[in-house]
N, C-alpha and C. Protein backbone atom coordinates (compact mmCIF):
# COMPACT_ATOMS: atom_id res chain seq x y z
N MET A 1 -16.13 -12.52 5.37
CA MET A 1 -16.81 -13.63 5.52
C MET A 1 -15.05 -14.41 5.70
N ALA A 2 -15.57 -16.28 6.18
CA ALA A 2 -14.37 -16.36 5.52
C ALA A 2 -14.65 -17.98 6.05
N THR A 3 -13.69 -18.44 5.35
CA THR A 3 -13.71 -20.19 5.40
C THR A 3 -13.21 -20.68 6.90
N TRP A 4 -13.14 -21.76 7.28
CA TRP A 4 -13.05 -22.54 8.66
C TRP A 4 -11.04 -22.71 8.62
N GLN A 5 -10.69 -22.73 6.97
CA GLN A 5 -9.02 -22.70 6.93
C GLN A 5 -8.87 -21.12 7.53
N ARG A 6 -9.15 -20.16 6.66
CA ARG A 6 -9.21 -18.90 7.52
C ARG A 6 -8.82 -18.22 8.44
N PHE A 7 -9.40 -18.74 9.29
CA PHE A 7 -10.48 -19.14 11.06
C PHE A 7 -8.84 -19.60 12.31
N THR A 8 -8.63 -20.65 10.77
CA THR A 8 -7.37 -21.56 11.42
C THR A 8 -6.21 -20.70 11.45
N ALA A 9 -5.99 -20.29 10.42
CA ALA A 9 -4.55 -19.77 9.82
C ALA A 9 -4.67 -17.91 10.46
N GLU A 10 -5.55 -17.54 11.13
CA GLU A 10 -5.36 -16.17 11.64
C GLU A 10 -5.98 -16.30 13.17
N ALA A 11 -6.22 -17.40 13.82
CA ALA A 11 -6.36 -17.72 14.86
C ALA A 11 -6.17 -19.34 15.39
N PRO A 12 -4.74 -19.72 15.20
CA PRO A 12 -4.80 -20.86 15.14
C PRO A 12 -4.86 -21.87 16.58
N GLU A 13 -4.46 -21.06 17.75
CA GLU A 13 -4.81 -21.61 18.93
C GLU A 13 -6.11 -21.66 19.64
N LEU A 14 -7.07 -20.82 19.09
CA LEU A 14 -8.42 -20.08 19.56
C LEU A 14 -8.99 -21.47 18.71
N ALA A 15 -8.98 -21.15 17.46
CA ALA A 15 -9.61 -22.33 16.51
C ALA A 15 -9.33 -23.96 16.71
N GLU A 16 -8.10 -24.70 17.17
CA GLU A 16 -8.06 -25.48 17.61
C GLU A 16 -8.90 -25.64 18.85
N LYS A 17 -8.87 -24.69 19.62
CA LYS A 17 -9.82 -24.93 20.97
C LYS A 17 -11.57 -24.66 20.81
N VAL A 18 -11.92 -24.32 19.90
CA VAL A 18 -13.32 -24.37 19.05
C VAL A 18 -13.40 -25.68 18.25
N LEU A 19 -12.52 -26.06 17.61
CA LEU A 19 -12.74 -27.38 17.07
C LEU A 19 -12.50 -28.52 17.77
N ALA A 20 -11.89 -28.54 19.12
CA ALA A 20 -11.65 -29.29 19.88
C ALA A 20 -13.68 -29.20 20.69
N ARG A 21 -13.76 -28.52 21.08
CA ARG A 21 -15.35 -28.57 21.32
C ARG A 21 -16.51 -28.84 20.39
N PHE A 22 -16.40 -28.63 19.35
CA PHE A 22 -17.08 -29.13 18.41
C PHE A 22 -16.90 -30.70 17.58
N LEU A 23 -15.75 -31.14 17.81
CA LEU A 23 -15.21 -32.86 17.93
C LEU A 23 -16.17 -33.66 19.25
N ALA A 24 -15.66 -32.86 20.52
CA ALA A 24 -16.41 -33.50 21.41
C ALA A 24 -17.81 -34.23 21.57
N ASP A 25 -18.91 -33.79 20.47
CA ASP A 25 -19.49 -34.14 20.86
C ASP A 25 -20.56 -34.24 19.17
N LYS A 26 -21.13 -35.52 18.62
CA LYS A 26 -22.04 -35.05 17.57
C LYS A 26 -23.13 -33.93 17.60
N SER A 27 -23.87 -33.36 18.05
CA SER A 27 -24.97 -32.97 17.96
C SER A 27 -24.58 -31.54 18.70
N HIS A 28 -24.96 -30.31 17.95
CA HIS A 28 -24.84 -29.05 18.37
C HIS A 28 -26.54 -27.95 17.80
N VAL A 29 -26.32 -26.91 18.64
CA VAL A 29 -27.49 -26.42 18.60
C VAL A 29 -27.16 -25.46 17.25
N LEU A 30 -27.94 -24.82 16.34
CA LEU A 30 -28.18 -24.27 15.73
C LEU A 30 -29.11 -23.25 15.68
N ALA A 31 -28.70 -21.99 15.49
CA ALA A 31 -29.93 -20.83 15.20
C ALA A 31 -30.17 -20.17 13.84
N THR A 32 -31.18 -19.93 13.56
CA THR A 32 -31.89 -19.63 12.33
C THR A 32 -32.86 -18.45 12.35
N LEU A 33 -33.50 -17.65 11.47
CA LEU A 33 -33.79 -16.97 11.63
C LEU A 33 -35.25 -17.59 10.88
N ARG A 34 -36.46 -17.57 11.43
CA ARG A 34 -37.93 -18.03 10.96
C ARG A 34 -38.19 -16.66 9.79
N ALA A 35 -39.61 -16.97 9.29
CA ALA A 35 -39.60 -15.85 8.27
C ALA A 35 -39.86 -14.56 8.73
N ASP A 36 -40.30 -14.74 9.91
CA ASP A 36 -41.61 -13.71 10.51
C ASP A 36 -40.07 -12.90 11.34
N GLY A 37 -38.56 -13.49 11.22
CA GLY A 37 -37.39 -12.71 11.84
C GLY A 37 -37.18 -13.79 13.14
N SER A 38 -38.32 -14.21 13.80
CA SER A 38 -38.07 -14.83 15.37
C SER A 38 -36.97 -15.97 15.26
N PRO A 39 -36.44 -15.94 15.94
CA PRO A 39 -35.71 -17.30 16.05
C PRO A 39 -35.50 -18.20 16.28
N ARG A 40 -35.22 -19.29 15.82
CA ARG A 40 -35.53 -20.96 15.60
C ARG A 40 -34.45 -21.64 15.93
N VAL A 41 -34.43 -22.89 17.04
CA VAL A 41 -33.06 -23.14 17.20
C VAL A 41 -33.44 -24.95 17.15
N SER A 42 -32.59 -25.36 16.24
CA SER A 42 -32.60 -26.76 16.34
C SER A 42 -31.09 -27.53 16.10
N GLY A 43 -31.50 -28.94 16.51
CA GLY A 43 -29.79 -29.83 16.21
C GLY A 43 -29.71 -29.97 15.11
N THR A 44 -28.23 -29.71 15.03
CA THR A 44 -27.55 -29.70 13.97
C THR A 44 -26.46 -30.79 14.17
N GLU A 45 -25.61 -31.01 12.96
CA GLU A 45 -24.43 -31.69 13.02
C GLU A 45 -23.47 -31.00 11.98
N VAL A 46 -22.12 -31.27 12.35
CA VAL A 46 -21.07 -30.23 11.52
C VAL A 46 -19.97 -31.24 11.35
N ASP A 47 -19.65 -30.46 9.75
CA ASP A 47 -18.61 -31.45 9.69
C ASP A 47 -17.32 -30.61 8.55
N PHE A 48 -16.15 -31.07 9.20
CA PHE A 48 -14.95 -30.31 8.63
C PHE A 48 -14.40 -30.89 7.22
N HIS A 49 -14.52 -30.43 6.14
CA HIS A 49 -14.44 -31.06 4.87
C HIS A 49 -13.23 -29.76 4.24
N GLY A 50 -12.25 -30.39 3.66
CA GLY A 50 -11.14 -29.47 3.48
C GLY A 50 -10.76 -27.99 4.17
N PRO A 51 -11.16 -27.16 3.48
CA PRO A 51 -11.12 -25.44 3.97
C PRO A 51 -12.26 -25.32 5.14
N ASP A 52 -13.03 -26.06 4.69
CA ASP A 52 -14.55 -25.63 5.53
C ASP A 52 -15.50 -26.45 6.46
N ILE A 53 -16.35 -25.49 6.54
CA ILE A 53 -16.95 -26.22 7.52
C ILE A 53 -18.64 -26.24 7.17
N PHE A 54 -19.47 -27.54 7.37
CA PHE A 54 -20.53 -27.61 6.73
C PHE A 54 -21.65 -28.10 7.66
N VAL A 55 -22.81 -27.63 7.55
CA VAL A 55 -23.89 -28.44 8.17
C VAL A 55 -25.14 -28.60 6.62
N GLY A 56 -25.92 -29.93 7.41
CA GLY A 56 -26.49 -30.62 6.44
C GLY A 56 -28.05 -30.71 6.93
N SER A 57 -29.14 -31.17 6.20
CA SER A 57 -30.32 -31.46 6.47
C SER A 57 -31.11 -32.11 5.65
N MET A 58 -31.95 -32.68 6.22
CA MET A 58 -33.21 -33.29 5.62
C MET A 58 -33.46 -32.74 4.92
N LEU A 59 -33.88 -32.99 3.58
CA LEU A 59 -34.66 -32.11 2.83
C LEU A 59 -36.22 -32.09 2.96
N ASP A 60 -36.34 -30.54 2.36
CA ASP A 60 -36.89 -28.98 3.20
C ASP A 60 -37.49 -29.21 4.60
N ALA A 61 -36.72 -29.29 5.51
CA ALA A 61 -36.39 -29.33 7.10
C ALA A 61 -36.56 -28.18 7.00
N VAL A 62 -36.89 -27.46 8.31
CA VAL A 62 -37.47 -26.45 8.72
C VAL A 62 -35.94 -25.29 8.39
N LYS A 63 -35.48 -26.00 9.25
CA LYS A 63 -33.80 -25.22 9.46
C LYS A 63 -33.51 -25.02 7.95
N ALA A 64 -33.70 -25.91 7.19
CA ALA A 64 -32.70 -25.72 5.77
C ALA A 64 -33.85 -24.88 5.04
N ARG A 65 -35.43 -24.30 5.19
CA ARG A 65 -35.77 -23.39 4.91
C ARG A 65 -35.35 -22.29 5.36
N ASP A 66 -35.30 -22.17 6.71
CA ASP A 66 -34.77 -20.73 7.21
C ASP A 66 -33.24 -20.63 6.43
N LEU A 67 -32.33 -21.35 6.28
CA LEU A 67 -31.20 -21.20 5.67
C LEU A 67 -31.24 -20.72 4.59
N ARG A 68 -31.79 -21.10 3.74
CA ARG A 68 -32.57 -20.55 2.25
C ARG A 68 -32.68 -19.72 2.03
N ARG A 69 -33.59 -19.09 2.84
CA ARG A 69 -34.03 -17.51 2.88
C ARG A 69 -33.37 -16.46 3.68
N ASP A 70 -33.07 -16.90 4.50
CA ASP A 70 -31.77 -15.83 4.81
C ASP A 70 -30.84 -16.61 5.75
N GLY A 71 -29.89 -16.73 4.93
CA GLY A 71 -28.31 -17.80 5.65
C GLY A 71 -28.24 -17.67 6.86
N ARG A 72 -28.61 -16.38 7.73
CA ARG A 72 -27.74 -15.93 8.62
C ARG A 72 -27.95 -16.91 9.57
N PHE A 73 -26.59 -17.34 10.61
CA PHE A 73 -26.99 -18.62 11.26
C PHE A 73 -25.76 -18.34 12.56
N ALA A 74 -26.28 -18.99 13.80
CA ALA A 74 -25.16 -19.11 14.97
C ALA A 74 -25.15 -20.67 15.78
N ILE A 75 -24.00 -21.04 15.56
CA ILE A 75 -24.27 -22.62 16.13
C ILE A 75 -23.26 -22.64 17.41
N HIS A 76 -24.03 -22.97 18.89
CA HIS A 76 -23.54 -23.36 19.89
C HIS A 76 -23.17 -24.56 19.97
N ALA A 77 -21.75 -25.06 20.12
CA ALA A 77 -21.13 -26.43 20.13
C ALA A 77 -21.84 -27.12 21.56
N TYR A 78 -22.36 -28.51 21.69
CA TYR A 78 -23.10 -29.06 22.50
C TYR A 78 -22.29 -28.61 23.84
N PRO A 79 -23.28 -27.88 24.68
CA PRO A 79 -22.79 -27.56 26.02
C PRO A 79 -22.40 -28.70 27.11
N GLY A 80 -22.70 -30.03 26.94
CA GLY A 80 -23.12 -30.44 28.47
C GLY A 80 -21.63 -31.22 28.43
N VAL A 81 -20.24 -31.03 27.81
CA VAL A 81 -19.30 -31.50 27.82
C VAL A 81 -18.54 -30.58 28.92
N GLU A 82 -18.13 -30.81 29.61
CA GLU A 82 -17.63 -29.44 31.05
C GLU A 82 -15.83 -29.17 30.16
N ASP A 83 -15.24 -29.85 29.80
CA ASP A 83 -13.71 -29.11 29.72
C ASP A 83 -14.12 -28.23 28.44
N GLY A 84 -13.31 -27.07 28.21
CA GLY A 84 -12.63 -26.61 26.98
C GLY A 84 -13.76 -25.41 26.38
N GLY A 85 -14.16 -25.36 27.76
CA GLY A 85 -15.02 -24.06 27.95
C GLY A 85 -16.51 -24.06 26.50
N ASP A 86 -17.49 -23.05 26.50
CA ASP A 86 -18.10 -22.88 25.48
C ASP A 86 -18.45 -22.53 23.86
N ALA A 87 -17.95 -22.69 23.45
CA ALA A 87 -17.86 -22.57 21.69
C ALA A 87 -18.98 -22.42 21.07
N LYS A 88 -19.11 -20.84 20.17
CA LYS A 88 -20.36 -20.50 19.38
C LYS A 88 -19.51 -20.04 17.87
N ILE A 89 -20.05 -19.88 16.77
CA ILE A 89 -19.81 -19.63 15.68
C ILE A 89 -20.74 -19.13 15.03
N ALA A 90 -20.48 -18.12 14.48
CA ALA A 90 -21.94 -17.21 13.43
C ALA A 90 -21.37 -16.59 12.21
N GLY A 91 -22.19 -16.44 11.11
CA GLY A 91 -22.41 -16.52 9.94
C GLY A 91 -23.25 -16.77 8.81
N VAL A 92 -22.47 -16.80 7.75
CA VAL A 92 -23.68 -16.82 6.85
C VAL A 92 -23.56 -18.35 6.13
N ALA A 93 -24.99 -19.10 5.87
CA ALA A 93 -24.71 -20.40 5.41
C ALA A 93 -25.00 -20.38 4.06
N VAL A 94 -24.09 -21.20 2.97
CA VAL A 94 -24.70 -21.11 1.68
C VAL A 94 -24.54 -21.95 1.29
N GLU A 95 -25.77 -22.84 0.55
CA GLU A 95 -26.32 -23.56 0.12
C GLU A 95 -25.79 -24.51 -1.39
N ILE A 96 -24.90 -25.60 -1.15
CA ILE A 96 -24.54 -26.06 -1.93
C ILE A 96 -25.87 -26.66 -2.64
N THR A 97 -25.49 -25.97 -4.01
CA THR A 97 -26.55 -27.02 -5.12
C THR A 97 -26.33 -27.84 -6.25
N ASP A 98 -25.19 -27.76 -6.56
CA ASP A 98 -24.06 -28.75 -7.19
C ASP A 98 -24.34 -29.88 -6.79
N TRP A 99 -24.65 -30.77 -7.50
CA TRP A 99 -24.97 -32.22 -6.79
C TRP A 99 -23.49 -33.05 -7.11
N GLU A 100 -22.22 -32.49 -7.73
CA GLU A 100 -21.09 -33.62 -7.71
C GLU A 100 -20.02 -32.75 -6.37
N GLU A 101 -20.25 -31.38 -6.13
CA GLU A 101 -19.91 -30.70 -4.66
C GLU A 101 -20.53 -31.07 -3.95
N LEU A 102 -21.81 -31.56 -3.44
CA LEU A 102 -22.06 -32.34 -2.25
C LEU A 102 -22.14 -33.81 -2.23
N LYS A 103 -22.01 -34.34 -3.34
CA LYS A 103 -20.98 -35.68 -3.19
C LYS A 103 -19.59 -35.67 -2.74
N SER A 104 -18.61 -34.53 -3.40
CA SER A 104 -17.30 -34.96 -2.57
C SER A 104 -17.29 -34.55 -1.11
N VAL A 105 -18.42 -33.99 -0.80
CA VAL A 105 -18.08 -33.87 1.01
C VAL A 105 -19.08 -34.67 1.75
N VAL A 106 -20.34 -35.14 1.02
CA VAL A 106 -21.59 -36.18 2.04
C VAL A 106 -20.96 -37.69 1.55
N GLY A 107 -20.20 -37.57 0.17
CA GLY A 107 -19.77 -39.71 -0.43
C GLY A 107 -20.59 -39.37 -1.62
N GLU A 108 -20.26 -40.50 -1.76
CA GLU A 108 -21.17 -41.20 -3.41
C GLU A 108 -22.23 -41.46 -3.14
N ASP A 109 -22.84 -41.90 -1.81
CA ASP A 109 -23.82 -42.72 -1.97
C ASP A 109 -24.98 -41.62 -1.33
N ALA A 110 -24.71 -40.31 -1.36
CA ALA A 110 -25.49 -39.21 -0.97
C ALA A 110 -27.19 -39.65 -1.44
N GLU A 111 -27.68 -39.25 -0.64
CA GLU A 111 -29.13 -39.17 -0.59
C GLU A 111 -29.72 -37.63 -1.00
N PRO A 112 -30.63 -37.42 -1.60
CA PRO A 112 -31.29 -35.99 -1.93
C PRO A 112 -31.18 -35.19 -0.25
N SER A 113 -30.58 -33.90 -0.44
CA SER A 113 -30.51 -33.24 1.25
C SER A 113 -30.14 -31.95 0.95
N HIS A 114 -30.02 -30.92 1.51
CA HIS A 114 -29.30 -29.80 2.08
C HIS A 114 -28.10 -29.97 2.22
N LEU A 115 -27.36 -29.39 1.84
CA LEU A 115 -25.77 -28.91 2.37
C LEU A 115 -25.44 -27.74 2.43
N PHE A 116 -25.21 -27.28 3.69
CA PHE A 116 -24.73 -25.42 3.67
C PHE A 116 -23.05 -25.22 3.99
N ARG A 117 -22.76 -24.71 3.23
CA ARG A 117 -21.06 -24.37 3.69
C ARG A 117 -21.04 -22.86 4.53
N LEU A 118 -20.81 -22.90 5.76
CA LEU A 118 -20.94 -21.98 6.54
C LEU A 118 -19.48 -21.36 6.48
N ASP A 119 -20.26 -19.65 5.79
CA ASP A 119 -18.62 -18.99 5.82
C ASP A 119 -18.93 -18.41 7.26
N LEU A 120 -17.71 -17.81 8.10
CA LEU A 120 -17.84 -17.34 9.21
C LEU A 120 -17.55 -16.11 9.07
N THR A 121 -18.33 -15.10 10.14
CA THR A 121 -18.09 -13.83 10.48
C THR A 121 -17.39 -13.69 12.12
N GLU A 122 -17.93 -14.91 12.76
CA GLU A 122 -17.32 -15.14 14.20
C GLU A 122 -16.66 -16.08 14.47
N ALA A 123 -16.10 -16.16 15.70
CA ALA A 123 -15.90 -17.22 16.49
C ALA A 123 -15.35 -17.28 17.65
N VAL A 124 -16.33 -17.77 18.74
CA VAL A 124 -16.55 -17.48 20.45
C VAL A 124 -15.96 -18.73 20.95
N LEU A 125 -14.80 -18.59 22.52
CA LEU A 125 -14.98 -18.98 23.39
C LEU A 125 -15.14 -18.55 24.93
N THR A 126 -16.29 -19.23 25.54
CA THR A 126 -15.63 -18.79 27.05
C THR A 126 -15.72 -19.81 27.81
N TRP A 127 -14.92 -19.46 29.20
CA TRP A 127 -14.46 -20.07 29.80
C TRP A 127 -14.39 -19.64 30.71
N VAL A 128 -14.31 -20.50 32.21
CA VAL A 128 -13.98 -20.12 33.50
C VAL A 128 -12.93 -20.40 34.11
N ASP A 129 -12.06 -19.64 34.40
CA ASP A 129 -11.16 -20.26 35.40
C ASP A 129 -10.94 -19.60 36.77
N THR A 130 -10.99 -20.12 37.88
CA THR A 130 -11.26 -19.59 39.10
C THR A 130 -12.42 -18.70 39.00
N ASP A 131 -11.87 -17.55 39.34
CA ASP A 131 -12.99 -16.37 39.46
C ASP A 131 -13.15 -15.54 38.59
N THR A 132 -12.56 -15.74 37.17
CA THR A 132 -12.66 -15.15 36.12
C THR A 132 -13.29 -15.46 35.45
N LEU A 133 -14.15 -14.92 34.22
CA LEU A 133 -15.09 -15.41 33.01
C LEU A 133 -14.39 -14.87 32.30
N TRP A 134 -13.69 -15.58 31.01
CA TRP A 134 -12.62 -15.10 29.97
C TRP A 134 -13.59 -15.51 28.87
N VAL A 135 -13.71 -14.35 28.00
CA VAL A 135 -14.54 -14.66 26.28
C VAL A 135 -13.36 -14.14 25.51
N GLU A 136 -13.20 -15.23 24.20
CA GLU A 136 -12.10 -14.78 23.29
C GLU A 136 -13.06 -14.83 21.83
N ARG A 137 -12.92 -13.58 21.07
CA ARG A 137 -13.51 -13.40 20.10
C ARG A 137 -12.75 -13.49 18.41
N TRP A 138 -12.75 -13.73 17.69
CA TRP A 138 -12.19 -13.87 16.45
C TRP A 138 -13.30 -13.34 15.40
N THR A 139 -13.11 -12.25 14.72
CA THR A 139 -13.49 -11.94 13.43
C THR A 139 -12.64 -11.64 12.58
N PRO A 140 -13.04 -12.11 11.08
CA PRO A 140 -12.13 -12.18 9.92
C PRO A 140 -11.30 -10.91 9.69
N GLY A 141 -9.91 -10.76 9.60
CA GLY A 141 -9.25 -9.44 9.54
C GLY A 141 -8.81 -8.45 10.41
N ARG A 142 -9.53 -9.16 11.66
CA ARG A 142 -9.35 -8.39 12.70
C ARG A 142 -8.39 -8.95 13.75
N PRO A 143 -7.50 -8.07 14.86
CA PRO A 143 -7.34 -8.57 16.31
C PRO A 143 -8.12 -9.12 16.67
N ARG A 144 -7.66 -10.67 17.17
CA ARG A 144 -8.57 -11.43 18.38
C ARG A 144 -8.35 -10.51 19.33
N VAL A 145 -9.72 -10.49 20.54
CA VAL A 145 -10.17 -9.72 21.22
C VAL A 145 -10.18 -10.53 22.50
N ARG A 146 -9.91 -10.25 23.89
CA ARG A 146 -10.02 -11.58 24.65
C ARG A 146 -10.62 -10.15 25.95
N PHE A 147 -11.87 -10.96 27.01
CA PHE A 147 -12.34 -10.16 27.74
C PHE A 147 -12.31 -10.93 28.84
N ALA A 148 -11.96 -10.19 30.05
CA ALA A 148 -11.78 -10.69 31.59
C ALA A 148 -12.48 -10.26 32.18
N ARG A 149 -13.26 -10.82 33.07
CA ARG A 149 -14.40 -10.40 34.34
C ARG A 149 -13.98 -11.37 35.84
N PRO A 150 -12.83 -10.48 36.19
CA PRO A 150 -12.31 -11.07 37.09
C PRO A 150 -13.51 -10.98 38.95
N GLY A 151 -13.99 -11.95 39.64
CA GLY A 151 -14.56 -11.87 40.89
C GLY A 151 -15.64 -10.63 39.82
N ASN A 152 -16.41 -11.27 39.13
CA ASN A 152 -17.86 -10.92 38.50
C ASN A 152 -17.86 -9.03 38.83
N GLY A 153 -16.31 -8.21 38.72
CA GLY A 153 -16.24 -7.35 38.62
C GLY A 153 -16.18 -6.53 36.80
N PRO A 154 -15.60 -5.99 36.86
CA PRO A 154 -15.65 -4.85 35.42
C PRO A 154 -14.81 -5.57 34.50
N VAL A 155 -15.02 -5.24 33.65
CA VAL A 155 -14.64 -6.12 31.98
C VAL A 155 -13.23 -5.54 31.57
N ILE A 156 -12.11 -6.35 31.57
CA ILE A 156 -11.29 -6.28 31.08
C ILE A 156 -10.86 -6.22 29.57
N ARG A 157 -10.81 -5.45 28.65
CA ARG A 157 -10.54 -5.98 27.38
C ARG A 157 -8.80 -5.82 26.96
N THR A 158 -8.66 -6.95 25.96
CA THR A 158 -7.17 -6.87 25.53
C THR A 158 -7.12 -7.26 24.23
N GLU A 159 -6.35 -6.67 23.59
CA GLU A 159 -6.63 -6.76 21.81
C GLU A 159 -5.12 -7.94 21.34
N LEU A 160 -5.44 -9.26 20.98
CA LEU A 160 -4.39 -10.08 21.18
C LEU A 160 -3.87 -9.74 19.30
N SER A 161 -2.53 -10.03 19.21
CA SER A 161 -1.83 -10.46 17.86
C SER A 161 -2.55 -11.26 17.08
């Protein structure tokens, strides 16, 4: 797992594009796991602070209960903005329980709530150029991989440095 800063260091061009997608709108789609293992999607906002990316939640919201029980998540950046492709990140959310640390992220006037630091296991950007579907994926400590599917034909996989 990795911080946002590590993602930026290992794949700066991809990280810049993914960041642009997350900054293009305030609300995004968070996927969590319910107690029975089925998926749940919720709206969420992300916050970039220092080397990390965070999501917050109202106290005792179902998405917070999901993340406290099983921190695995995926976030799809708001897909309504046409430019820049389609960005997704995945990983494990770690709850910040230290009040001073929480205030350092959300501010001194923080109200009781949940705050989760997102440890990344993957970042993906998907876009279309002419008749080719492109997918670029980063995972910590591994080479980036780009997939191309021209004309809805066979997938071409390229390992990037």
